[in-house]
Amino acid sequence: MNRRHFALTLVALTSSASVAGCSHGYGPGYGPWGGTVIYVRTAPPPPPPRIIIPPRPSSTAVWIEGYWNWTGVTFVWVDGFWERSPPPGRVWAPGRWVQTPRGWRHEPGRWVARRRPR
């Protein structure tokens, strides 16, 4: 192996090792919601910011609250919104961050069947 080839190989290995180290803050998993789950190993998300909810656009609209999204580097706030056409017979279950042995995991909000009173 000549010096040039050795140097290029060393640079490639060093670069890939440093890139692999960048992803140490989170890791993929699979959840019951279908799709990838990201585990954040650094810290929990900050508390939600104080917001002013805009007026309800119609009597049937449902407020979907905002949440903290992990970008791979930091948390970014995703604003809430009014869902103007909620599915009939369903209610919104808000998302939440859950601490697990693997780190913090975001469980996204979802529509669930409305419970019938007993």
PDB file of N, CA and C in Angstrom:
ATOM      1  N   MET A   1       0.858  -1.175   0.000  1.00  0.00           N
ATOM      2  CA  MET A   1       0.000   0.000   0.000  1.00  0.00           C
ATOM      3  C   MET A   1       0.900   1.234   0.000  1.00  0.00           C
ATOM      4  N   ASN A   2       0.689   2.123  -0.945  1.00  0.00           N
ATOM      5  CA  ASN A   2       1.535   3.309  -0.982  1.00  0.00           C
ATOM      6  C   ASN A   2       1.055   4.356   0.029  1.00  0.00           C
ATOM      7  N   ARG A   3       1.883   5.364   0.247  1.00  0.00           N
ATOM      8  CA  ARG A   3       1.575   6.381   1.266  1.00  0.00           C
ATOM      9  C   ARG A   3       0.277   7.130   0.960  1.00  0.00           C
ATOM     10  N   ARG A   4       0.068   7.470  -0.293  1.00  0.00           N
ATOM     11  CA  ARG A   4      -1.134   8.240  -0.672  1.00  0.00           C
ATOM     12  C   ARG A   4      -2.397   7.416  -0.382  1.00  0.00           C
ATOM     13  N   HIS A   5      -2.396   6.166  -0.781  1.00  0.00           N
ATOM     14  CA  HIS A   5      -3.555   5.296  -0.542  1.00  0.00           C
ATOM     15  C   HIS A   5      -3.800   5.123   0.963  1.00  0.00           C
ATOM     16  N   PHE A   6      -2.728   4.940   1.728  1.00  0.00           N
ATOM     17  CA  PHE A   6      -2.838   4.816   3.183  1.00  0.00           C
ATOM     18  C   PHE A   6      -3.434   6.081   3.797  1.00  0.00           C
ATOM     19  N   ALA A   7      -2.951   7.251   3.351  1.00  0.00           N
ATOM     20  CA  ALA A   7      -3.443   8.532   3.882  1.00  0.00           C
ATOM     21  C   ALA A   7      -4.921   8.718   3.567  1.00  0.00           C
ATOM     22  N   LEU A   8      -5.335   8.407   2.337  1.00  0.00           N
ATOM     23  CA  LEU A   8      -6.751   8.545   1.967  1.00  0.00           C
ATOM     24  C   LEU A   8      -7.627   7.583   2.779  1.00  0.00           C
ATOM     25  N   THR A   9      -7.147   6.361   2.990  1.00  0.00           N
ATOM     26  CA  THR A   9      -7.890   5.390   3.789  1.00  0.00           C
ATOM     27  C   THR A   9      -8.022   5.878   5.222  1.00  0.00           C
ATOM     28  N   LEU A  10      -6.963   6.416   5.780  1.00  0.00           N
ATOM     29  CA  LEU A  10      -6.978   6.933   7.144  1.00  0.00           C
ATOM     30  C   LEU A  10      -7.955   8.095   7.277  1.00  0.00           C
ATOM     31  N   VAL A  11      -7.969   9.000   6.302  1.00  0.00           N
ATOM     32  CA  VAL A  11      -8.905  10.136   6.318  1.00  0.00           C
ATOM     33  C   VAL A  11     -10.339   9.635   6.240  1.00  0.00           C
ATOM     34  N   ALA A  12     -10.601   8.674   5.381  1.00  0.00           N
ATOM     35  CA  ALA A  12     -11.961   8.135   5.237  1.00  0.00           C
ATOM     36  C   ALA A  12     -12.430   7.478   6.529  1.00  0.00           C
ATOM     37  N   LEU A  13     -11.571   6.690   7.149  1.00  0.00           N
ATOM     38  CA  LEU A  13     -11.948   6.026   8.402  1.00  0.00           C
ATOM     39  C   LEU A  13     -12.160   7.033   9.526  1.00  0.00           C
ATOM     40  N   THR A  14     -11.310   8.033   9.610  1.00  0.00           N
ATOM     41  CA  THR A  14     -11.446   9.062  10.643  1.00  0.00           C
ATOM     42  C   THR A  14     -12.730   9.853  10.440  1.00  0.00           C
ATOM     43  N   SER A  15     -13.033  10.202   9.186  1.00  0.00           N
ATOM     44  CA  SER A  15     -14.253  10.960   8.891  1.00  0.00           C
ATOM     45  C   SER A  15     -15.495  10.164   9.251  1.00  0.00           C
ATOM     46  N   SER A  16     -15.528   8.888   8.876  1.00  0.00           N
ATOM     47  CA  SER A  16     -16.714   8.088   9.172  1.00  0.00           C
ATOM     48  C   SER A  16     -16.859   7.865  10.668  1.00  0.00           C
ATOM     49  N   ALA A  17     -15.763   7.743  11.393  1.00  0.00           N
ATOM     50  CA  ALA A  17     -15.846   7.581  12.844  1.00  0.00           C
ATOM     51  C   ALA A  17     -16.373   8.839  13.501  1.00  0.00           C
ATOM     52  N   SER A  18     -15.950  10.018  13.011  1.00  0.00           N
ATOM     53  CA  SER A  18     -16.433  11.258  13.623  1.00  0.00           C
ATOM     54  C   SER A  18     -17.898  11.497  13.286  1.00  0.00           C
ATOM     55  N   VAL A  19     -18.327  11.129  12.081  1.00  0.00           N
ATOM     56  CA  VAL A  19     -19.742  11.270  11.729  1.00  0.00           C
ATOM     57  C   VAL A  19     -20.579  10.320  12.572  1.00  0.00           C
ATOM     58  N   ALA A  20     -20.107   9.092  12.774  1.00  0.00           N
ATOM     59  CA  ALA A  20     -20.842   8.134  13.601  1.00  0.00           C
ATOM     60  C   ALA A  20     -20.968   8.655  15.020  1.00  0.00           C
ATOM     61  N   GLY A  21     -19.956   9.345  15.514  1.00  0.00           N
ATOM     62  CA  GLY A  21     -20.010   9.907  16.860  1.00  0.00           C
ATOM     63  C   GLY A  21     -21.036  11.010  16.989  1.00  0.00           C
ATOM     64  N   CYS A  22     -21.352  11.690  15.894  1.00  0.00           N
ATOM     65  CA  CYS A  22     -22.331  12.779  15.941  1.00  0.00           C
ATOM     66  C   CYS A  22     -23.732  12.257  16.256  1.00  0.00           C
ATOM     67  N   SER A  23     -24.024  11.034  15.896  1.00  0.00           N
ATOM     68  CA  SER A  23     -25.379  10.513  16.104  1.00  0.00           C
ATOM     69  C   SER A  23     -25.558   9.905  17.493  1.00  0.00           C
ATOM     70  N   HIS A  24     -24.574  10.078  18.356  1.00  0.00           N
ATOM     71  CA  HIS A  24     -24.649   9.469  19.677  1.00  0.00           C
ATOM     72  C   HIS A  24     -25.781  10.025  20.531  1.00  0.00           C
ATOM     73  N   GLY A  25     -26.267  11.225  20.228  1.00  0.00           N
ATOM     74  CA  GLY A  25     -27.303  11.844  21.037  1.00  0.00           C
ATOM     75  C   GLY A  25     -28.680  11.228  20.872  1.00  0.00           C
ATOM     76  N   TYR A  26     -28.898  10.421  19.862  1.00  0.00           N
ATOM     77  CA  TYR A  26     -30.207   9.808  19.670  1.00  0.00           C
ATOM     78  C   TYR A  26     -30.042   8.522  18.881  1.00  0.00           C
ATOM     79  N   GLY A  27     -31.057   7.709  18.911  1.00  0.00           N
ATOM     80  CA  GLY A  27     -31.014   6.459  18.179  1.00  0.00           C
ATOM     81  C   GLY A  27     -32.399   6.024  17.788  1.00  0.00           C
ATOM     82  N   PRO A  28     -32.541   5.337  16.659  1.00  0.00           N
ATOM     83  CA  PRO A  28     -33.868   4.934  16.207  1.00  0.00           C
ATOM     84  C   PRO A  28     -34.391   3.708  16.952  1.00  0.00           C
ATOM     85  N   GLY A  29     -35.679   3.589  16.961  1.00  0.00           N
ATOM     86  CA  GLY A  29     -36.366   2.431  17.511  1.00  0.00           C
ATOM     87  C   GLY A  29     -37.680   2.305  16.751  1.00  0.00           C
ATOM     88  N   TYR A  30     -38.513   1.408  17.141  1.00  0.00           N
ATOM     89  CA  TYR A  30     -39.796   1.250  16.457  1.00  0.00           C
ATOM     90  C   TYR A  30     -40.903   1.221  17.495  1.00  0.00           C
ATOM     91  N   GLY A  31     -41.957   1.969  17.231  1.00  0.00           N
ATOM     92  CA  GLY A  31     -43.032   2.071  18.199  1.00  0.00           C
ATOM     93  C   GLY A  31     -44.344   1.551  17.669  1.00  0.00           C
ATOM     94  N   PRO A  32     -45.341   1.530  18.531  1.00  0.00           N
ATOM     95  CA  PRO A  32     -46.648   1.020  18.137  1.00  0.00           C
ATOM     96  C   PRO A  32     -47.389   1.950  17.191  1.00  0.00           C
ATOM     97  N   TRP A  33     -46.836   3.136  16.903  1.00  0.00           N
ATOM     98  CA  TRP A  33     -47.514   4.116  16.055  1.00  0.00           C
ATOM     99  C   TRP A  33     -47.145   3.925  14.607  1.00  0.00           C
ATOM    100  N   GLY A  34     -46.279   2.970  14.306  1.00  0.00           N
ATOM    101  CA  GLY A  34     -45.849   2.779  12.930  1.00  0.00           C
ATOM    102  C   GLY A  34     -44.876   3.878  12.559  1.00  0.00           C
ATOM    103  N   GLY A  35     -43.660   3.567  12.330  1.00  0.00           N
ATOM    104  CA  GLY A  35     -42.667   4.570  12.002  1.00  0.00           C
ATOM    105  C   GLY A  35     -41.514   4.504  12.976  1.00  0.00           C
ATOM    106  N   THR A  36     -40.585   5.400  12.777  1.00  0.00           N
ATOM    107  CA  THR A  36     -39.380   5.399  13.577  1.00  0.00           C
ATOM    108  C   THR A  36     -39.578   6.180  14.860  1.00  0.00           C
ATOM    109  N   VAL A  37     -39.018   5.675  15.938  1.00  0.00           N
ATOM    110  CA  VAL A  37     -39.026   6.353  17.229  1.00  0.00           C
ATOM    111  C   VAL A  37     -37.601   6.806  17.496  1.00  0.00           C
ATOM    112  N   ILE A  38     -37.438   8.045  17.914  1.00  0.00           N
ATOM    113  CA  ILE A  38     -36.118   8.572  18.227  1.00  0.00           C
ATOM    114  C   ILE A  38     -35.959   8.615  19.739  1.00  0.00           C
ATOM    115  N   TYR A  39     -34.857   8.073  20.226  1.00  0.00           N
ATOM    116  CA  TYR A  39     -34.535   8.138  21.646  1.00  0.00           C
ATOM    117  C   TYR A  39     -33.487   9.227  21.840  1.00  0.00           C
ATOM    118  N   VAL A  40     -33.771  10.195  22.693  1.00  0.00           N
ATOM    119  CA  VAL A  40     -32.851  11.284  22.982  1.00  0.00           C
ATOM    120  C   VAL A  40     -32.144  10.944  24.278  1.00  0.00           C
ATOM    121  N   ARG A  41     -30.839  10.819  24.229  1.00  0.00           N
ATOM    122  CA  ARG A  41     -30.077  10.383  25.397  1.00  0.00           C
ATOM    123  C   ARG A  41     -29.501  11.532  26.206  1.00  0.00           C
ATOM    124  N   THR A  42     -29.687  12.761  25.774  1.00  0.00           N
ATOM    125  CA  THR A  42     -29.044  13.878  26.456  1.00  0.00           C
ATOM    126  C   THR A  42     -29.861  14.385  27.639  1.00  0.00           C
ATOM    127  N   ALA A  43     -31.036  14.860  27.406  1.00  0.00           N
ATOM    128  CA  ALA A  43     -31.844  15.477  28.456  1.00  0.00           C
ATOM    129  C   ALA A  43     -33.300  15.500  28.003  1.00  0.00           C
ATOM    130  N   PRO A  44     -34.215  15.704  28.954  1.00  0.00           N
ATOM    131  CA  PRO A  44     -35.624  15.809  28.566  1.00  0.00           C
ATOM    132  C   PRO A  44     -35.864  17.114  27.818  1.00  0.00           C
ATOM    133  N   PRO A  45     -36.994  17.211  27.112  1.00  0.00           N
ATOM    134  CA  PRO A  45     -37.303  18.467  26.429  1.00  0.00           C
ATOM    135  C   PRO A  45     -37.601  19.562  27.444  1.00  0.00           C
ATOM    136  N   PRO A  46     -37.445  20.821  27.045  1.00  0.00           N
ATOM    137  CA  PRO A  46     -37.791  21.916  27.946  1.00  0.00           C
ATOM    138  C   PRO A  46     -39.295  21.947  28.200  1.00  0.00           C
ATOM    139  N   PRO A  47     -39.727  22.710  29.212  1.00  0.00           N
ATOM    140  CA  PRO A  47     -41.168  22.844  29.408  1.00  0.00           C
ATOM    141  C   PRO A  47     -41.798  23.573  28.219  1.00  0.00           C
ATOM    142  N   PRO A  48     -43.079  23.332  27.956  1.00  0.00           N
ATOM    143  CA  PRO A  48     -43.729  24.026  26.837  1.00  0.00           C
ATOM    144  C   PRO A  48     -43.705  25.539  27.045  1.00  0.00           C
ATOM    145  N   PRO A  49     -43.549  26.294  25.965  1.00  0.00           N
ATOM    146  CA  PRO A  49     -43.590  27.750  26.115  1.00  0.00           C
ATOM    147  C   PRO A  49     -45.009  28.211  26.409  1.00  0.00           C
ATOM    148  N   ARG A  50     -45.120  29.394  26.962  1.00  0.00           N
ATOM    149  CA  ARG A  50     -46.453  29.973  27.165  1.00  0.00           C
ATOM    150  C   ARG A  50     -46.933  30.496  25.821  1.00  0.00           C
ATOM    151  N   ILE A  51     -48.118  30.089  25.444  1.00  0.00           N
ATOM    152  CA  ILE A  51     -48.652  30.510  24.144  1.00  0.00           C
ATOM    153  C   ILE A  51     -50.059  31.062  24.327  1.00  0.00           C
ATOM    154  N   ILE A  52     -50.488  31.800  23.352  1.00  0.00           N
ATOM    155  CA  ILE A  52     -51.874  32.279  23.309  1.00  0.00           C
ATOM    156  C   ILE A  52     -52.571  31.484  22.212  1.00  0.00           C
ATOM    157  N   ILE A  53     -53.592  30.733  22.601  1.00  0.00           N
ATOM    158  CA  ILE A  53     -54.334  29.927  21.632  1.00  0.00           C
ATOM    159  C   ILE A  53     -55.276  30.856  20.871  1.00  0.00           C
ATOM    160  N   PRO A  54     -55.206  30.838  19.545  1.00  0.00           N
ATOM    161  CA  PRO A  54     -56.098  31.704  18.773  1.00  0.00           C
ATOM    162  C   PRO A  54     -57.553  31.279  18.935  1.00  0.00           C
ATOM    163  N   PRO A  55     -58.476  32.182  18.621  1.00  0.00           N
ATOM    164  CA  PRO A  55     -59.899  31.843  18.759  1.00  0.00           C
ATOM    165  C   PRO A  55     -60.276  30.615  17.931  1.00  0.00           C
ATOM    166  N   ARG A  56     -61.216  29.847  18.469  1.00  0.00           N
ATOM    167  CA  ARG A  56     -61.704  28.641  17.783  1.00  0.00           C
ATOM    168  C   ARG A  56     -62.413  29.057  16.491  1.00  0.00           C
ATOM    169  N   PRO A  57     -62.014  28.454  15.352  1.00  0.00           N
ATOM    170  CA  PRO A  57     -62.615  28.846  14.073  1.00  0.00           C
ATOM    171  C   PRO A  57     -64.035  28.320  13.870  1.00  0.00           C
ATOM    172  N   SER A  58     -64.396  27.234  14.584  1.00  0.00           N
ATOM    173  CA  SER A  58     -65.762  26.704  14.482  1.00  0.00           C
ATOM    174  C   SER A  58     -66.060  25.930  15.759  1.00  0.00           C
ATOM    175  N   SER A  59     -67.323  25.638  15.978  1.00  0.00           N
ATOM    176  CA  SER A  59     -67.706  24.939  17.208  1.00  0.00           C
ATOM    177  C   SER A  59     -67.227  23.486  17.229  1.00  0.00           C
ATOM    178  N   THR A  60     -66.885  22.932  16.077  1.00  0.00           N
ATOM    179  CA  THR A  60     -66.436  21.540  16.034  1.00  0.00           C
ATOM    180  C   THR A  60     -64.908  21.408  16.038  1.00  0.00           C
ATOM    181  N   ALA A  61     -64.188  22.515  15.906  1.00  0.00           N
ATOM    182  CA  ALA A  61     -62.722  22.459  15.844  1.00  0.00           C
ATOM    183  C   ALA A  61     -62.133  21.994  17.173  1.00  0.00           C
ATOM    184  N   VAL A  62     -61.025  21.265  17.098  1.00  0.00           N
ATOM    185  CA  VAL A  62     -60.335  20.730  18.271  1.00  0.00           C
ATOM    186  C   VAL A  62     -58.903  21.263  18.267  1.00  0.00           C
ATOM    187  N   TRP A  63     -58.443  21.774  19.427  1.00  0.00           N
ATOM    188  CA  TRP A  63     -57.088  22.282  19.527  1.00  0.00           C
ATOM    189  C   TRP A  63     -56.095  21.119  19.654  1.00  0.00           C
ATOM    190  N   ILE A  64     -55.112  21.088  18.758  1.00  0.00           N
ATOM    191  CA  ILE A  64     -54.022  20.107  18.797  1.00  0.00           C
ATOM    192  C   ILE A  64     -52.816  20.876  19.326  1.00  0.00           C
ATOM    193  N   GLU A  65     -52.414  20.562  20.556  1.00  0.00           N
ATOM    194  CA  GLU A  65     -51.349  21.345  21.163  1.00  0.00           C
ATOM    195  C   GLU A  65     -49.999  21.092  20.510  1.00  0.00           C
ATOM    196  N   GLY A  66     -49.108  22.069  20.650  1.00  0.00           N
ATOM    197  CA  GLY A  66     -47.765  21.956  20.104  1.00  0.00           C
ATOM    198  C   GLY A  66     -46.919  20.983  20.912  1.00  0.00           C
ATOM    199  N   TYR A  67     -45.710  20.741  20.432  1.00  0.00           N
ATOM    200  CA  TYR A  67     -44.817  19.791  21.105  1.00  0.00           C
ATOM    201  C   TYR A  67     -43.371  20.115  20.753  1.00  0.00           C
ATOM    202  N   TRP A  68     -42.459  19.587  21.546  1.00  0.00           N
ATOM    203  CA  TRP A  68     -41.031  19.712  21.273  1.00  0.00           C
ATOM    204  C   TRP A  68     -40.611  18.577  20.353  1.00  0.00           C
ATOM    205  N   ASN A  69     -39.948  18.930  19.257  1.00  0.00           N
ATOM    206  CA  ASN A  69     -39.421  17.953  18.309  1.00  0.00           C
ATOM    207  C   ASN A  69     -37.900  17.924  18.430  1.00  0.00           C
ATOM    208  N   TRP A  70     -37.295  16.737  18.421  1.00  0.00           N
ATOM    209  CA  TRP A  70     -35.847  16.591  18.472  1.00  0.00           C
ATOM    210  C   TRP A  70     -35.306  16.577  17.044  1.00  0.00           C
ATOM    211  N   THR A  71     -34.359  17.468  16.732  1.00  0.00           N
ATOM    212  CA  THR A  71     -33.803  17.571  15.376  1.00  0.00           C
ATOM    213  C   THR A  71     -32.563  16.726  15.173  1.00  0.00           C
ATOM    214  N   GLY A  72     -32.063  16.103  16.230  1.00  0.00           N
ATOM    215  CA  GLY A  72     -30.800  15.401  16.168  1.00  0.00           C
ATOM    216  C   GLY A  72     -29.692  16.227  16.805  1.00  0.00           C
ATOM    217  N   VAL A  73     -29.990  17.508  17.034  1.00  0.00           N
ATOM    218  CA  VAL A  73     -29.031  18.415  17.655  1.00  0.00           C
ATOM    219  C   VAL A  73     -29.652  19.137  18.842  1.00  0.00           C
ATOM    220  N   THR A  74     -30.901  19.555  18.662  1.00  0.00           N
ATOM    221  CA  THR A  74     -31.584  20.339  19.688  1.00  0.00           C
ATOM    222  C   THR A  74     -33.090  20.116  19.600  1.00  0.00           C
ATOM    223  N   PHE A  75     -33.807  20.605  20.599  1.00  0.00           N
ATOM    224  CA  PHE A  75     -35.268  20.564  20.565  1.00  0.00           C
ATOM    225  C   PHE A  75     -35.786  21.820  19.867  1.00  0.00           C
ATOM    226  N   VAL A  76     -36.821  21.649  19.045  1.00  0.00           N
ATOM    227  CA  VAL A  76     -37.457  22.761  18.346  1.00  0.00           C
ATOM    228  C   VAL A  76     -38.954  22.669  18.614  1.00  0.00           C
ATOM    229  N   TRP A  77     -39.575  23.799  18.967  1.00  0.00           N
ATOM    230  CA  TRP A  77     -41.001  23.823  19.242  1.00  0.00           C
ATOM    231  C   TRP A  77     -41.804  23.790  17.952  1.00  0.00           C
ATOM    232  N   VAL A  78     -42.796  22.894  17.886  1.00  0.00           N
ATOM    233  CA  VAL A  78     -43.735  22.808  16.766  1.00  0.00           C
ATOM    234  C   VAL A  78     -45.056  23.368  17.268  1.00  0.00           C
ATOM    235  N   ASP A  79     -45.543  24.427  16.618  1.00  0.00           N
ATOM    236  CA  ASP A  79     -46.762  25.104  17.075  1.00  0.00           C
ATOM    237  C   ASP A  79     -47.995  24.217  16.987  1.00  0.00           C
ATOM    238  N   GLY A  80     -48.935  24.461  17.894  1.00  0.00           N
ATOM    239  CA  GLY A  80     -50.225  23.790  17.856  1.00  0.00           C
ATOM    240  C   GLY A  80     -51.120  24.411  16.790  1.00  0.00           C
ATOM    241  N   PHE A  81     -52.286  23.797  16.586  1.00  0.00           N
ATOM    242  CA  PHE A  81     -53.208  24.296  15.562  1.00  0.00           C
ATOM    243  C   PHE A  81     -54.620  23.799  15.855  1.00  0.00           C
ATOM    244  N   TRP A  82     -55.584  24.426  15.213  1.00  0.00           N
ATOM    245  CA  TRP A  82     -56.978  23.982  15.296  1.00  0.00           C
ATOM    246  C   TRP A  82     -57.236  22.964  14.191  1.00  0.00           C
ATOM    247  N   GLU A  83     -57.700  21.784  14.558  1.00  0.00           N
ATOM    248  CA  GLU A  83     -58.129  20.784  13.574  1.00  0.00           C
ATOM    249  C   GLU A  83     -59.595  21.068  13.291  1.00  0.00           C
ATOM    250  N   ARG A  84     -59.890  21.520  12.090  1.00  0.00           N
ATOM    251  CA  ARG A  84     -61.257  21.944  11.752  1.00  0.00           C
ATOM    252  C   ARG A  84     -62.203  20.775  11.501  1.00  0.00           C
ATOM    253  N   SER A  85     -61.670  19.618  11.102  1.00  0.00           N
ATOM    254  CA  SER A  85     -62.513  18.451  10.785  1.00  0.00           C
ATOM    255  C   SER A  85     -62.041  17.222  11.557  1.00  0.00           C
ATOM    256  N   PRO A  86     -62.266  17.196  12.870  1.00  0.00           N
ATOM    257  CA  PRO A  86     -61.832  16.006  13.616  1.00  0.00           C
ATOM    258  C   PRO A  86     -62.637  14.779  13.193  1.00  0.00           C
ATOM    259  N   PRO A  87     -62.038  13.591  13.276  1.00  0.00           N
ATOM    260  CA  PRO A  87     -62.770  12.389  12.901  1.00  0.00           C
ATOM    261  C   PRO A  87     -63.946  12.143  13.851  1.00  0.00           C
ATOM    262  N   PRO A  88     -65.099  11.767  13.324  1.00  0.00           N
ATOM    263  CA  PRO A  88     -66.257  11.530  14.181  1.00  0.00           C
ATOM    264  C   PRO A  88     -66.016  10.385  15.165  1.00  0.00           C
ATOM    265  N   GLY A  89     -66.491  10.565  16.401  1.00  0.00           N
ATOM    266  CA  GLY A  89     -66.385   9.517  17.413  1.00  0.00           C
ATOM    267  C   GLY A  89     -65.000   9.362  18.010  1.00  0.00           C
ATOM    268  N   ARG A  90     -64.122  10.319  17.752  1.00  0.00           N
ATOM    269  CA  ARG A  90     -62.749  10.232  18.267  1.00  0.00           C
ATOM    270  C   ARG A  90     -62.393  11.502  19.029  1.00  0.00           C
ATOM    271  N   VAL A  91     -61.443  11.357  19.943  1.00  0.00           N
ATOM    272  CA  VAL A  91     -60.921  12.498  20.704  1.00  0.00           C
ATOM    273  C   VAL A  91     -59.405  12.508  20.539  1.00  0.00           C
ATOM    274  N   TRP A  92     -58.806  13.682  20.712  1.00  0.00           N
ATOM    275  CA  TRP A  92     -57.368  13.823  20.560  1.00  0.00           C
ATOM    276  C   TRP A  92     -56.657  13.441  21.858  1.00  0.00           C
ATOM    277  N   ALA A  93     -55.719  12.507  21.782  1.00  0.00           N
ATOM    278  CA  ALA A  93     -54.850  12.148  22.907  1.00  0.00           C
ATOM    279  C   ALA A  93     -53.520  12.841  22.642  1.00  0.00           C
ATOM    280  N   PRO A  94     -53.146  13.837  23.448  1.00  0.00           N
ATOM    281  CA  PRO A  94     -51.931  14.597  23.158  1.00  0.00           C
ATOM    282  C   PRO A  94     -50.674  13.750  23.271  1.00  0.00           C
ATOM    283  N   GLY A  95     -49.657  14.163  22.529  1.00  0.00           N
ATOM    284  CA  GLY A  95     -48.365  13.484  22.584  1.00  0.00           C
ATOM    285  C   GLY A  95     -47.666  13.791  23.903  1.00  0.00           C
ATOM    286  N   ARG A  96     -46.605  13.032  24.171  1.00  0.00           N
ATOM    287  CA  ARG A  96     -45.845  13.260  25.399  1.00  0.00           C
ATOM    288  C   ARG A  96     -44.452  12.666  25.239  1.00  0.00           C
ATOM    289  N   TRP A  97     -43.533  13.155  26.052  1.00  0.00           N
ATOM    290  CA  TRP A  97     -42.187  12.605  26.131  1.00  0.00           C
ATOM    291  C   TRP A  97     -42.134  11.674  27.327  1.00  0.00           C
ATOM    292  N   VAL A  98     -41.598  10.468  27.121  1.00  0.00           N
ATOM    293  CA  VAL A  98     -41.536   9.439  28.159  1.00  0.00           C
ATOM    294  C   VAL A  98     -40.074   9.066  28.378  1.00  0.00           C
ATOM    295  N   GLN A  99     -39.669   8.986  29.655  1.00  0.00           N
ATOM    296  CA  GLN A  99     -38.313   8.559  29.955  1.00  0.00           C
ATOM    297  C   GLN A  99     -38.259   7.037  29.995  1.00  0.00           C
ATOM    298  N   THR A 100     -37.298   6.448  29.288  1.00  0.00           N
ATOM    299  CA  THR A 100     -37.109   4.997  29.233  1.00  0.00           C
ATOM    300  C   THR A 100     -35.643   4.693  29.551  1.00  0.00           C
ATOM    301  N   PRO A 101     -35.284   3.433  29.737  1.00  0.00           N
ATOM    302  CA  PRO A 101     -33.871   3.098  29.952  1.00  0.00           C
ATOM    303  C   PRO A 101     -32.973   3.494  28.769  1.00  0.00           C
ATOM    304  N   ARG A 102     -33.543   3.591  27.571  1.00  0.00           N
ATOM    305  CA  ARG A 102     -32.763   3.964  26.378  1.00  0.00           C
ATOM    306  C   ARG A 102     -32.652   5.469  26.199  1.00  0.00           C
ATOM    307  N   GLY A 103     -33.421   6.245  26.950  1.00  0.00           N
ATOM    308  CA  GLY A 103     -33.427   7.698  26.809  1.00  0.00           C
ATOM    309  C   GLY A 103     -34.854   8.206  26.764  1.00  0.00           C
ATOM    310  N   TRP A 104     -35.008   9.454  26.364  1.00  0.00           N
ATOM    311  CA  TRP A 104     -36.336  10.059  26.240  1.00  0.00           C
ATOM    312  C   TRP A 104     -36.911   9.724  24.881  1.00  0.00           C
ATOM    313  N   ARG A 105     -38.195   9.336  24.867  1.00  0.00           N
ATOM    314  CA  ARG A 105     -38.888   8.949  23.634  1.00  0.00           C
ATOM    315  C   ARG A 105     -40.150   9.786  23.498  1.00  0.00           C
ATOM    316  N   HIS A 106     -40.393  10.292  22.295  1.00  0.00           N
ATOM    317  CA  HIS A 106     -41.620  11.055  22.054  1.00  0.00           C
ATOM    318  C   HIS A 106     -42.715  10.130  21.549  1.00  0.00           C
ATOM    319  N   GLU A 107     -43.841  10.141  22.249  1.00  0.00           N
ATOM    320  CA  GLU A 107     -45.030   9.429  21.783  1.00  0.00           C
ATOM    321  C   GLU A 107     -45.932  10.472  21.142  1.00  0.00           C
ATOM    322  N   PRO A 108     -46.093  10.452  19.837  1.00  0.00           N
ATOM    323  CA  PRO A 108     -46.888  11.486  19.175  1.00  0.00           C
ATOM    324  C   PRO A 108     -48.359  11.427  19.559  1.00  0.00           C
ATOM    325  N   GLY A 109     -49.022  12.573  19.451  1.00  0.00           N
ATOM    326  CA  GLY A 109     -50.462  12.619  19.692  1.00  0.00           C
ATOM    327  C   GLY A 109     -51.201  11.827  18.617  1.00  0.00           C
ATOM    328  N   ARG A 110     -52.441  11.422  18.948  1.00  0.00           N
ATOM    329  CA  ARG A 110     -53.208  10.614  18.003  1.00  0.00           C
ATOM    330  C   ARG A 110     -54.691  10.695  18.337  1.00  0.00           C
ATOM    331  N   TRP A 111     -55.489  10.353  17.361  1.00  0.00           N
ATOM    332  CA  TRP A 111     -56.934  10.278  17.566  1.00  0.00           C
ATOM    333  C   TRP A 111     -57.265   8.895  18.118  1.00  0.00           C
ATOM    334  N   VAL A 112     -58.057   8.869  19.183  1.00  0.00           N
ATOM    335  CA  VAL A 112     -58.463   7.604  19.797  1.00  0.00           C
ATOM    336  C   VAL A 112     -59.985   7.566  19.896  1.00  0.00           C
ATOM    337  N   ALA A 113     -60.527   6.350  19.982  1.00  0.00           N
ATOM    338  CA  ALA A 113     -61.977   6.191  20.091  1.00  0.00           C
ATOM    339  C   ALA A 113     -62.471   6.836  21.385  1.00  0.00           C
ATOM    340  N   ARG A 114     -63.582   7.523  21.285  1.00  0.00           N
ATOM    341  CA  ARG A 114     -64.186   8.154  22.450  1.00  0.00           C
ATOM    342  C   ARG A 114     -64.737   7.079  23.383  1.00  0.00           C
ATOM    343  N   ARG A 115     -64.434   7.191  24.665  1.00  0.00           N
ATOM    344  CA  ARG A 115     -64.950   6.228  25.646  1.00  0.00           C
ATOM    345  C   ARG A 115     -66.425   6.492  25.890  1.00  0.00           C
ATOM    346  N   ARG A 116     -67.151   5.422  25.950  1.00  0.00           N
ATOM    347  CA  ARG A 116     -68.586   5.551  26.248  1.00  0.00           C
ATOM    348  C   ARG A 116     -68.793   5.544  27.751  1.00  0.00           C
ATOM    349  N   PRO A 117     -69.653   6.404  28.268  1.00  0.00           N
ATOM    350  CA  PRO A 117     -69.903   6.395  29.717  1.00  0.00           C
ATOM    351  C   PRO A 117     -70.570   5.097  30.142  1.00  0.00           C
ATOM    352  N   ARG A 118     -70.198   4.638  31.330  1.00  0.00           N
ATOM    353  CA  ARG A 118     -70.771   3.386  31.839  1.00  0.00           C
ATOM    354  C   ARG A 118     -71.989   3.637  32.669  1.00  0.00           C
TER     355      ARG A 118
END
